[in-house]
Amino acid sequence: MLAKIEDWKNSKKHAYTLDISLGGMFIAVDKLLKKGSIIKFEIFLFHKTNKVEVYAKVVRVDDNGVGLQFLMMTNAEREFLQDFLNKILPG
């Protein structure tokens, strides 16, 4: 099952990143996604023009949010995300 995050956004749902790494992210959402779902979405980094498009699997669902495991990302997008993480994480 592939859920399109664009459809989800158009239905006035919102998500906020709580934690992110090269392997995945944990997001707070106003409506939980089903564990096992595969979704495609964009992560905006630095500015709204800088984004990484990823496929992710919902691997955890709890009262605080949803854990996502990244499945597919190009090498260029992975490098861009790594650069972002290097800038925001304490060295």
PDB file of N, CA and C in Angstrom:
ATOM      1  N   MET A   1       0.848  -1.180   0.000  1.00  0.00           N
ATOM      2  CA  MET A   1       0.000   0.000   0.000  1.00  0.00           C
ATOM      3  C   MET A   1       0.889   1.237   0.000  1.00  0.00           C
ATOM      4  N   LEU A   2       0.675   2.142  -0.927  1.00  0.00           N
ATOM      5  CA  LEU A   2       1.435   3.382  -1.021  1.00  0.00           C
ATOM      6  C   LEU A   2       0.493   4.542  -0.781  1.00  0.00           C
ATOM      7  N   ALA A   3       0.688   5.248   0.312  1.00  0.00           N
ATOM      8  CA  ALA A   3      -0.122   6.422   0.613  1.00  0.00           C
ATOM      9  C   ALA A   3       0.629   7.650   0.124  1.00  0.00           C
ATOM     10  N   LYS A   4      -0.055   8.515  -0.559  1.00  0.00           N
ATOM     11  CA  LYS A   4       0.597   9.728  -1.048  1.00  0.00           C
ATOM     12  C   LYS A   4       0.484  10.813   0.002  1.00  0.00           C
ATOM     13  N   ILE A   5       1.622  11.334   0.426  1.00  0.00           N
ATOM     14  CA  ILE A   5       1.625  12.363   1.454  1.00  0.00           C
ATOM     15  C   ILE A   5       0.958  13.635   0.939  1.00  0.00           C
ATOM     16  N   GLU A   6       0.968  13.852  -0.390  1.00  0.00           N
ATOM     17  CA  GLU A   6       0.297  15.028  -0.941  1.00  0.00           C
ATOM     18  C   GLU A   6      -1.199  14.975  -0.646  1.00  0.00           C
ATOM     19  N   ASP A   7      -1.808  13.795  -0.786  1.00  0.00           N
ATOM     20  CA  ASP A   7      -3.225  13.642  -0.455  1.00  0.00           C
ATOM     21  C   ASP A   7      -3.447  13.889   1.028  1.00  0.00           C
ATOM     22  N   TRP A   8      -2.512  13.404   1.826  1.00  0.00           N
ATOM     23  CA  TRP A   8      -2.602  13.577   3.272  1.00  0.00           C
ATOM     24  C   TRP A   8      -2.527  15.060   3.629  1.00  0.00           C
ATOM     25  N   LYS A   9      -1.587  15.801   2.980  1.00  0.00           N
ATOM     26  CA  LYS A   9      -1.456  17.234   3.240  1.00  0.00           C
ATOM     27  C   LYS A   9      -2.708  17.980   2.811  1.00  0.00           C
ATOM     28  N   ASN A  10      -3.275  17.597   1.670  1.00  0.00           N
ATOM     29  CA  ASN A  10      -4.466  18.275   1.165  1.00  0.00           C
ATOM     30  C   ASN A  10      -5.669  18.087   2.072  1.00  0.00           C
ATOM     31  N   SER A  11      -5.626  17.111   2.941  1.00  0.00           N
ATOM     32  CA  SER A  11      -6.739  16.883   3.850  1.00  0.00           C
ATOM     33  C   SER A  11      -6.545  17.646   5.167  1.00  0.00           C
ATOM     34  N   LYS A  12      -5.656  18.624   5.165  1.00  0.00           N
ATOM     35  CA  LYS A  12      -5.430  19.530   6.300  1.00  0.00           C
ATOM     36  C   LYS A  12      -4.784  18.866   7.505  1.00  0.00           C
ATOM     37  N   LYS A  13      -4.001  17.833   7.265  1.00  0.00           N
ATOM     38  CA  LYS A  13      -3.253  17.202   8.349  1.00  0.00           C
ATOM     39  C   LYS A  13      -1.861  17.821   8.391  1.00  0.00           C
ATOM     40  N   HIS A  14      -1.241  17.796   9.544  1.00  0.00           N
ATOM     41  CA  HIS A  14       0.067  18.400   9.705  1.00  0.00           C
ATOM     42  C   HIS A  14       1.010  17.446  10.430  1.00  0.00           C
ATOM     43  N   ALA A  15       2.298  17.595  10.141  1.00  0.00           N
ATOM     44  CA  ALA A  15       3.318  16.790  10.806  1.00  0.00           C
ATOM     45  C   ALA A  15       4.505  17.686  11.128  1.00  0.00           C
ATOM     46  N   TYR A  16       5.162  17.368  12.236  1.00  0.00           N
ATOM     47  CA  TYR A  16       6.344  18.109  12.653  1.00  0.00           C
ATOM     48  C   TYR A  16       7.440  17.120  13.001  1.00  0.00           C
ATOM     49  N   THR A  17       8.644  17.399  12.526  1.00  0.00           N
ATOM     50  CA  THR A  17       9.774  16.520  12.790  1.00  0.00           C
ATOM     51  C   THR A  17      10.238  16.672  14.229  1.00  0.00           C
ATOM     52  N   LEU A  18      10.329  15.559  14.933  1.00  0.00           N
ATOM     53  CA  LEU A  18      10.848  15.540  16.297  1.00  0.00           C
ATOM     54  C   LEU A  18      12.283  15.045  16.339  1.00  0.00           C
ATOM     55  N   ASP A  19      12.629  14.150  15.398  1.00  0.00           N
ATOM     56  CA  ASP A  19      13.972  13.569  15.356  1.00  0.00           C
ATOM     57  C   ASP A  19      14.228  13.114  13.926  1.00  0.00           C
ATOM     58  N   ILE A  20      15.469  13.278  13.468  1.00  0.00           N
ATOM     59  CA  ILE A  20      15.790  12.854  12.097  1.00  0.00           C
ATOM     60  C   ILE A  20      17.231  12.361  12.052  1.00  0.00           C
ATOM     61  N   SER A  21      17.453  11.344  11.215  1.00  0.00           N
ATOM     62  CA  SER A  21      18.790  10.803  10.973  1.00  0.00           C
ATOM     63  C   SER A  21      18.826  10.334   9.524  1.00  0.00           C
ATOM     64  N   LEU A  22      19.955   9.787   9.107  1.00  0.00           N
ATOM     65  CA  LEU A  22      20.033   9.256   7.744  1.00  0.00           C
ATOM     66  C   LEU A  22      19.135   8.041   7.554  1.00  0.00           C
ATOM     67  N   GLY A  23      18.798   7.360   8.627  1.00  0.00           N
ATOM     68  CA  GLY A  23      18.001   6.143   8.528  1.00  0.00           C
ATOM     69  C   GLY A  23      16.506   6.347   8.624  1.00  0.00           C
ATOM     70  N   GLY A  24      16.089   7.506   9.142  1.00  0.00           N
ATOM     71  CA  GLY A  24      14.661   7.723   9.285  1.00  0.00           C
ATOM     72  C   GLY A  24      14.353   8.934  10.139  1.00  0.00           C
ATOM     73  N   MET A  25      13.102   9.032  10.560  1.00  0.00           N
ATOM     74  CA  MET A  25      12.698  10.170  11.368  1.00  0.00           C
ATOM     75  C   MET A  25      11.499   9.818  12.225  1.00  0.00           C
ATOM     76  N   PHE A  26      11.283  10.616  13.256  1.00  0.00           N
ATOM     77  CA  PHE A  26      10.116  10.477  14.110  1.00  0.00           C
ATOM     78  C   PHE A  26       9.352  11.777  14.018  1.00  0.00           C
ATOM     79  N   ILE A  27       8.064  11.689  13.696  1.00  0.00           N
ATOM     80  CA  ILE A  27       7.263  12.886  13.496  1.00  0.00           C
ATOM     81  C   ILE A  27       6.034  12.882  14.404  1.00  0.00           C
ATOM     82  N   ALA A  28       5.649  14.070  14.827  1.00  0.00           N
ATOM     83  CA  ALA A  28       4.392  14.257  15.536  1.00  0.00           C
ATOM     84  C   ALA A  28       3.355  14.578  14.477  1.00  0.00           C
ATOM     85  N   VAL A  29       2.244  13.892  14.516  1.00  0.00           N
ATOM     86  CA  VAL A  29       1.187  14.082  13.521  1.00  0.00           C
ATOM     87  C   VAL A  29      -0.150  14.298  14.216  1.00  0.00           C
ATOM     88  N   ASP A  30      -1.069  14.955  13.507  1.00  0.00           N
ATOM     89  CA  ASP A  30      -2.390  15.151  14.101  1.00  0.00           C
ATOM     90  C   ASP A  30      -3.326  13.986  13.801  1.00  0.00           C
ATOM     91  N   LYS A  31      -2.905  13.076  12.927  1.00  0.00           N
ATOM     92  CA  LYS A  31      -3.637  11.834  12.700  1.00  0.00           C
ATOM     93  C   LYS A  31      -2.607  10.752  12.401  1.00  0.00           C
ATOM     94  N   LEU A  32      -2.583   9.709  13.206  1.00  0.00           N
ATOM     95  CA  LEU A  32      -1.561   8.680  13.056  1.00  0.00           C
ATOM     96  C   LEU A  32      -1.706   7.904  11.756  1.00  0.00           C
ATOM     97  N   LEU A  33      -0.575   7.496  11.229  1.00  0.00           N
ATOM     98  CA  LEU A  33      -0.533   6.645  10.049  1.00  0.00           C
ATOM     99  C   LEU A  33      -0.506   5.193  10.506  1.00  0.00           C
ATOM    100  N   LYS A  34      -0.911   4.303   9.632  1.00  0.00           N
ATOM    101  CA  LYS A  34      -0.979   2.878   9.974  1.00  0.00           C
ATOM    102  C   LYS A  34       0.416   2.249   9.902  1.00  0.00           C
ATOM    103  N   LYS A  35       0.779   1.504  10.954  1.00  0.00           N
ATOM    104  CA  LYS A  35       2.061   0.805  10.978  1.00  0.00           C
ATOM    105  C   LYS A  35       2.135  -0.141   9.782  1.00  0.00           C
ATOM    106  N   GLY A  36       3.281  -0.130   9.106  1.00  0.00           N
ATOM    107  CA  GLY A  36       3.479  -0.961   7.926  1.00  0.00           C
ATOM    108  C   GLY A  36       3.213  -0.228   6.623  1.00  0.00           C
ATOM    109  N   SER A  37       2.568   0.932   6.693  1.00  0.00           N
ATOM    110  CA  SER A  37       2.294   1.715   5.475  1.00  0.00           C
ATOM    111  C   SER A  37       3.590   2.219   4.870  1.00  0.00           C
ATOM    112  N   ILE A  38       3.608   2.326   3.551  1.00  0.00           N
ATOM    113  CA  ILE A  38       4.724   2.928   2.822  1.00  0.00           C
ATOM    114  C   ILE A  38       4.225   4.266   2.296  1.00  0.00           C
ATOM    115  N   ILE A  39       4.988   5.322   2.595  1.00  0.00           N
ATOM    116  CA  ILE A  39       4.582   6.652   2.142  1.00  0.00           C
ATOM    117  C   ILE A  39       5.709   7.317   1.369  1.00  0.00           C
ATOM    118  N   LYS A  40       5.351   8.249   0.523  1.00  0.00           N
ATOM    119  CA  LYS A  40       6.302   9.069  -0.226  1.00  0.00           C
ATOM    120  C   LYS A  40       6.044  10.503   0.208  1.00  0.00           C
ATOM    121  N   PHE A  41       7.118  11.209   0.548  1.00  0.00           N
ATOM    122  CA  PHE A  41       6.947  12.590   0.984  1.00  0.00           C
ATOM    123  C   PHE A  41       8.237  13.371   0.772  1.00  0.00           C
ATOM    124  N   GLU A  42       8.176  14.662   1.017  1.00  0.00           N
ATOM    125  CA  GLU A  42       9.322  15.544   0.870  1.00  0.00           C
ATOM    126  C   GLU A  42       9.716  16.086   2.233  1.00  0.00           C
ATOM    127  N   ILE A  43      11.014  16.160   2.469  1.00  0.00           N
ATOM    128  CA  ILE A  43      11.554  16.789   3.672  1.00  0.00           C
ATOM    129  C   ILE A  43      12.200  18.091   3.211  1.00  0.00           C
ATOM    130  N   PHE A  44      11.720  19.199   3.736  1.00  0.00           N
ATOM    131  CA  PHE A  44      12.284  20.496   3.375  1.00  0.00           C
ATOM    132  C   PHE A  44      13.409  20.831   4.352  1.00  0.00           C
ATOM    133  N   LEU A  45      14.595  21.105   3.805  1.00  0.00           N
ATOM    134  CA  LEU A  45      15.787  21.388   4.599  1.00  0.00           C
ATOM    135  C   LEU A  45      16.246  22.819   4.336  1.00  0.00           C
ATOM    136  N   PHE A  46      16.622  23.517   5.376  1.00  0.00           N
ATOM    137  CA  PHE A  46      17.115  24.892   5.298  1.00  0.00           C
ATOM    138  C   PHE A  46      16.045  25.857   4.819  1.00  0.00           C
ATOM    139  N   HIS A  47      15.605  25.720   3.585  1.00  0.00           N
ATOM    140  CA  HIS A  47      14.598  26.607   3.002  1.00  0.00           C
ATOM    141  C   HIS A  47      13.580  25.746   2.266  1.00  0.00           C
ATOM    142  N   LYS A  48      12.448  26.314   1.959  1.00  0.00           N
ATOM    143  CA  LYS A  48      11.411  25.535   1.277  1.00  0.00           C
ATOM    144  C   LYS A  48      11.832  25.085  -0.119  1.00  0.00           C
ATOM    145  N   THR A  49      12.878  25.675  -0.679  1.00  0.00           N
ATOM    146  CA  THR A  49      13.335  25.269  -2.006  1.00  0.00           C
ATOM    147  C   THR A  49      14.297  24.085  -1.943  1.00  0.00           C
ATOM    148  N   ASN A  50      14.842  23.799  -0.778  1.00  0.00           N
ATOM    149  CA  ASN A  50      15.774  22.679  -0.612  1.00  0.00           C
ATOM    150  C   ASN A  50      15.035  21.512   0.013  1.00  0.00           C
ATOM    151  N   LYS A  51      14.852  20.464  -0.760  1.00  0.00           N
ATOM    152  CA  LYS A  51      14.077  19.335  -0.252  1.00  0.00           C
ATOM    153  C   LYS A  51      14.683  18.008  -0.670  1.00  0.00           C
ATOM    154  N   VAL A  52      14.335  16.995   0.087  1.00  0.00           N
ATOM    155  CA  VAL A  52      14.728  15.623  -0.194  1.00  0.00           C
ATOM    156  C   VAL A  52      13.435  14.828  -0.310  1.00  0.00           C
ATOM    157  N   GLU A  53      13.289  14.089  -1.401  1.00  0.00           N
ATOM    158  CA  GLU A  53      12.097  13.261  -1.591  1.00  0.00           C
ATOM    159  C   GLU A  53      12.444  11.829  -1.201  1.00  0.00           C
ATOM    160  N   VAL A  54      11.636  11.254  -0.322  1.00  0.00           N
ATOM    161  CA  VAL A  54      11.937   9.914   0.171  1.00  0.00           C
ATOM    162  C   VAL A  54      10.696   9.030   0.205  1.00  0.00           C
ATOM    163  N   TYR A  55      10.954   7.744   0.180  1.00  0.00           N
ATOM    164  CA  TYR A  55       9.946   6.742   0.503  1.00  0.00           C
ATOM    165  C   TYR A  55      10.301   6.245   1.891  1.00  0.00           C
ATOM    166  N   ALA A  56       9.293   6.021   2.704  1.00  0.00           N
ATOM    167  CA  ALA A  56       9.547   5.548   4.064  1.00  0.00           C
ATOM    168  C   ALA A  56       8.453   4.584   4.493  1.00  0.00           C
ATOM    169  N   LYS A  57       8.835   3.704   5.407  1.00  0.00           N
ATOM    170  CA  LYS A  57       7.897   2.754   5.983  1.00  0.00           C
ATOM    171  C   LYS A  57       7.571   3.191   7.404  1.00  0.00           C
ATOM    172  N   VAL A  58       6.297   3.153   7.758  1.00  0.00           N
ATOM    173  CA  VAL A  58       5.881   3.448   9.128  1.00  0.00           C
ATOM    174  C   VAL A  58       6.231   2.231   9.979  1.00  0.00           C
ATOM    175  N   VAL A  59       7.205   2.405  10.884  1.00  0.00           N
ATOM    176  CA  VAL A  59       7.688   1.278  11.682  1.00  0.00           C
ATOM    177  C   VAL A  59       7.296   1.381  13.151  1.00  0.00           C
ATOM    178  N   ARG A  60       6.808   2.543  13.563  1.00  0.00           N
ATOM    179  CA  ARG A  60       6.424   2.724  14.957  1.00  0.00           C
ATOM    180  C   ARG A  60       5.281   3.726  15.034  1.00  0.00           C
ATOM    181  N   VAL A  61       4.300   3.413  15.836  1.00  0.00           N
ATOM    182  CA  VAL A  61       3.173   4.314  16.067  1.00  0.00           C
ATOM    183  C   VAL A  61       2.894   4.335  17.562  1.00  0.00           C
ATOM    184  N   ASP A  62       2.917   5.532  18.158  1.00  0.00           N
ATOM    185  CA  ASP A  62       2.557   5.649  19.575  1.00  0.00           C
ATOM    186  C   ASP A  62       1.856   6.987  19.805  1.00  0.00           C
ATOM    187  N   ASP A  63       1.557   7.286  21.049  1.00  0.00           N
ATOM    188  CA  ASP A  63       0.832   8.507  21.376  1.00  0.00           C
ATOM    189  C   ASP A  63       1.607   9.779  21.045  1.00  0.00           C
ATOM    190  N   ASN A  64       2.934   9.664  20.907  1.00  0.00           N
ATOM    191  CA  ASN A  64       3.766  10.829  20.620  1.00  0.00           C
ATOM    192  C   ASN A  64       3.964  11.091  19.135  1.00  0.00           C
ATOM    193  N   GLY A  65       3.703  10.087  18.298  1.00  0.00           N
ATOM    194  CA  GLY A  65       3.900  10.284  16.877  1.00  0.00           C
ATOM    195  C   GLY A  65       4.151   8.994  16.128  1.00  0.00           C
ATOM    196  N   VAL A  66       4.875   9.134  15.018  1.00  0.00           N
ATOM    197  CA  VAL A  66       5.086   8.043  14.082  1.00  0.00           C
ATOM    198  C   VAL A  66       6.561   7.947  13.735  1.00  0.00           C
ATOM    199  N   GLY A  67       7.120   6.741  13.805  1.00  0.00           N
ATOM    200  CA  GLY A  67       8.499   6.504  13.402  1.00  0.00           C
ATOM    201  C   GLY A  67       8.549   6.020  11.972  1.00  0.00           C
ATOM    202  N   LEU A  68       9.402   6.631  11.178  1.00  0.00           N
ATOM    203  CA  LEU A  68       9.535   6.293   9.763  1.00  0.00           C
ATOM    204  C   LEU A  68      10.942   5.798   9.466  1.00  0.00           C
ATOM    205  N   GLN A  69      11.041   4.726   8.705  1.00  0.00           N
ATOM    206  CA  GLN A  69      12.331   4.207   8.243  1.00  0.00           C
ATOM    207  C   GLN A  69      12.449   4.549   6.767  1.00  0.00           C
ATOM    208  N   PHE A  70      13.501   5.285   6.393  1.00  0.00           N
ATOM    209  CA  PHE A  70      13.697   5.638   4.990  1.00  0.00           C
ATOM    210  C   PHE A  70      13.996   4.390   4.178  1.00  0.00           C
ATOM    211  N   LEU A  71      13.354   4.274   3.019  1.00  0.00           N
ATOM    212  CA  LEU A  71      13.544   3.116   2.149  1.00  0.00           C
ATOM    213  C   LEU A  71      14.325   3.460   0.892  1.00  0.00           C
ATOM    214  N   MET A  72      13.956   4.535   0.248  1.00  0.00           N
ATOM    215  CA  MET A  72      14.601   4.890  -1.016  1.00  0.00           C
ATOM    216  C   MET A  72      14.935   6.373  -1.035  1.00  0.00           C
ATOM    217  N   MET A  73      16.175   6.645  -1.434  1.00  0.00           N
ATOM    218  CA  MET A  73      16.651   8.010  -1.542  1.00  0.00           C
ATOM    219  C   MET A  73      17.836   7.969  -2.500  1.00  0.00           C
ATOM    220  N   THR A  74      17.952   8.958  -3.373  1.00  0.00           N
ATOM    221  CA  THR A  74      19.105   8.968  -4.276  1.00  0.00           C
ATOM    222  C   THR A  74      20.368   9.286  -3.482  1.00  0.00           C
ATOM    223  N   ASN A  75      21.521   8.963  -4.055  1.00  0.00           N
ATOM    224  CA  ASN A  75      22.791   9.275  -3.404  1.00  0.00           C
ATOM    225  C   ASN A  75      22.930  10.772  -3.174  1.00  0.00           C
ATOM    226  N   ALA A  76      22.503  11.569  -4.148  1.00  0.00           N
ATOM    227  CA  ALA A  76      22.593  13.028  -4.015  1.00  0.00           C
ATOM    228  C   ALA A  76      21.707  13.522  -2.869  1.00  0.00           C
ATOM    229  N   GLU A  77      20.511  12.959  -2.746  1.00  0.00           N
ATOM    230  CA  GLU A  77      19.615  13.357  -1.657  1.00  0.00           C
ATOM    231  C   GLU A  77      20.175  12.913  -0.306  1.00  0.00           C
ATOM    232  N   ARG A  78      20.753  11.728  -0.257  1.00  0.00           N
ATOM    233  CA  ARG A  78      21.364  11.240   0.992  1.00  0.00           C
ATOM    234  C   ARG A  78      22.520  12.156   1.411  1.00  0.00           C
ATOM    235  N   GLU A  79      23.350  12.568   0.453  1.00  0.00           N
ATOM    236  CA  GLU A  79      24.460  13.477   0.751  1.00  0.00           C
ATOM    237  C   GLU A  79      23.943  14.834   1.222  1.00  0.00           C
ATOM    238  N   PHE A  80      22.886  15.328   0.605  1.00  0.00           N
ATOM    239  CA  PHE A  80      22.297  16.597   0.999  1.00  0.00           C
ATOM    240  C   PHE A  80      21.758  16.521   2.427  1.00  0.00           C
ATOM    241  N   LEU A  81      21.082  15.413   2.745  1.00  0.00           N
ATOM    242  CA  LEU A  81      20.571  15.213   4.099  1.00  0.00           C
ATOM    243  C   LEU A  81      21.731  15.109   5.090  1.00  0.00           C
ATOM    244  N   GLN A  82      22.807  14.414   4.721  1.00  0.00           N
ATOM    245  CA  GLN A  82      23.982  14.307   5.598  1.00  0.00           C
ATOM    246  C   GLN A  82      24.582  15.679   5.859  1.00  0.00           C
ATOM    247  N   ASP A  83      24.705  16.507   4.829  1.00  0.00           N
ATOM    248  CA  ASP A  83      25.220  17.869   5.001  1.00  0.00           C
ATOM    249  C   ASP A  83      24.340  18.658   5.969  1.00  0.00           C
ATOM    250  N   PHE A  84      23.036  18.529   5.816  1.00  0.00           N
ATOM    251  CA  PHE A  84      22.081  19.198   6.713  1.00  0.00           C
ATOM    252  C   PHE A  84      22.298  18.743   8.151  1.00  0.00           C
ATOM    253  N   LEU A  85      22.374  17.440   8.350  1.00  0.00           N
ATOM    254  CA  LEU A  85      22.545  16.898   9.706  1.00  0.00           C
ATOM    255  C   LEU A  85      23.870  17.355  10.317  1.00  0.00           C
ATOM    256  N   ASN A  86      24.923  17.399   9.508  1.00  0.00           N
ATOM    257  CA  ASN A  86      26.226  17.853   9.996  1.00  0.00           C
ATOM    258  C   ASN A  86      26.171  19.303  10.484  1.00  0.00           C
ATOM    259  N   LYS A  87      25.329  20.113   9.841  1.00  0.00           N
ATOM    260  CA  LYS A  87      25.224  21.526  10.226  1.00  0.00           C
ATOM    261  C   LYS A  87      24.364  21.747  11.454  1.00  0.00           C
ATOM    262  N   ILE A  88      23.356  20.887  11.676  1.00  0.00           N
ATOM    263  CA  ILE A  88      22.458  21.138  12.793  1.00  0.00           C
ATOM    264  C   ILE A  88      22.812  20.365  14.054  1.00  0.00           C
ATOM    265  N   LEU A  89      23.579  19.292  13.919  1.00  0.00           N
ATOM    266  CA  LEU A  89      23.911  18.473  15.083  1.00  0.00           C
ATOM    267  C   LEU A  89      25.214  18.957  15.704  1.00  0.00           C
ATOM    268  N   PRO A  90      25.269  18.945  17.031  1.00  0.00           N
ATOM    269  CA  PRO A  90      26.522  19.363  17.691  1.00  0.00           C
ATOM    270  C   PRO A  90      27.665  18.425  17.311  1.00  0.00           C
ATOM    271  N   GLY A  91      28.814  19.020  17.051  1.00  0.00           N
ATOM    272  CA  GLY A  91      29.961  18.250  16.592  1.00  0.00           C
ATOM    273  C   GLY A  91      30.759  17.704  17.680  1.00  0.00           C
TER     274      GLY A  91
END
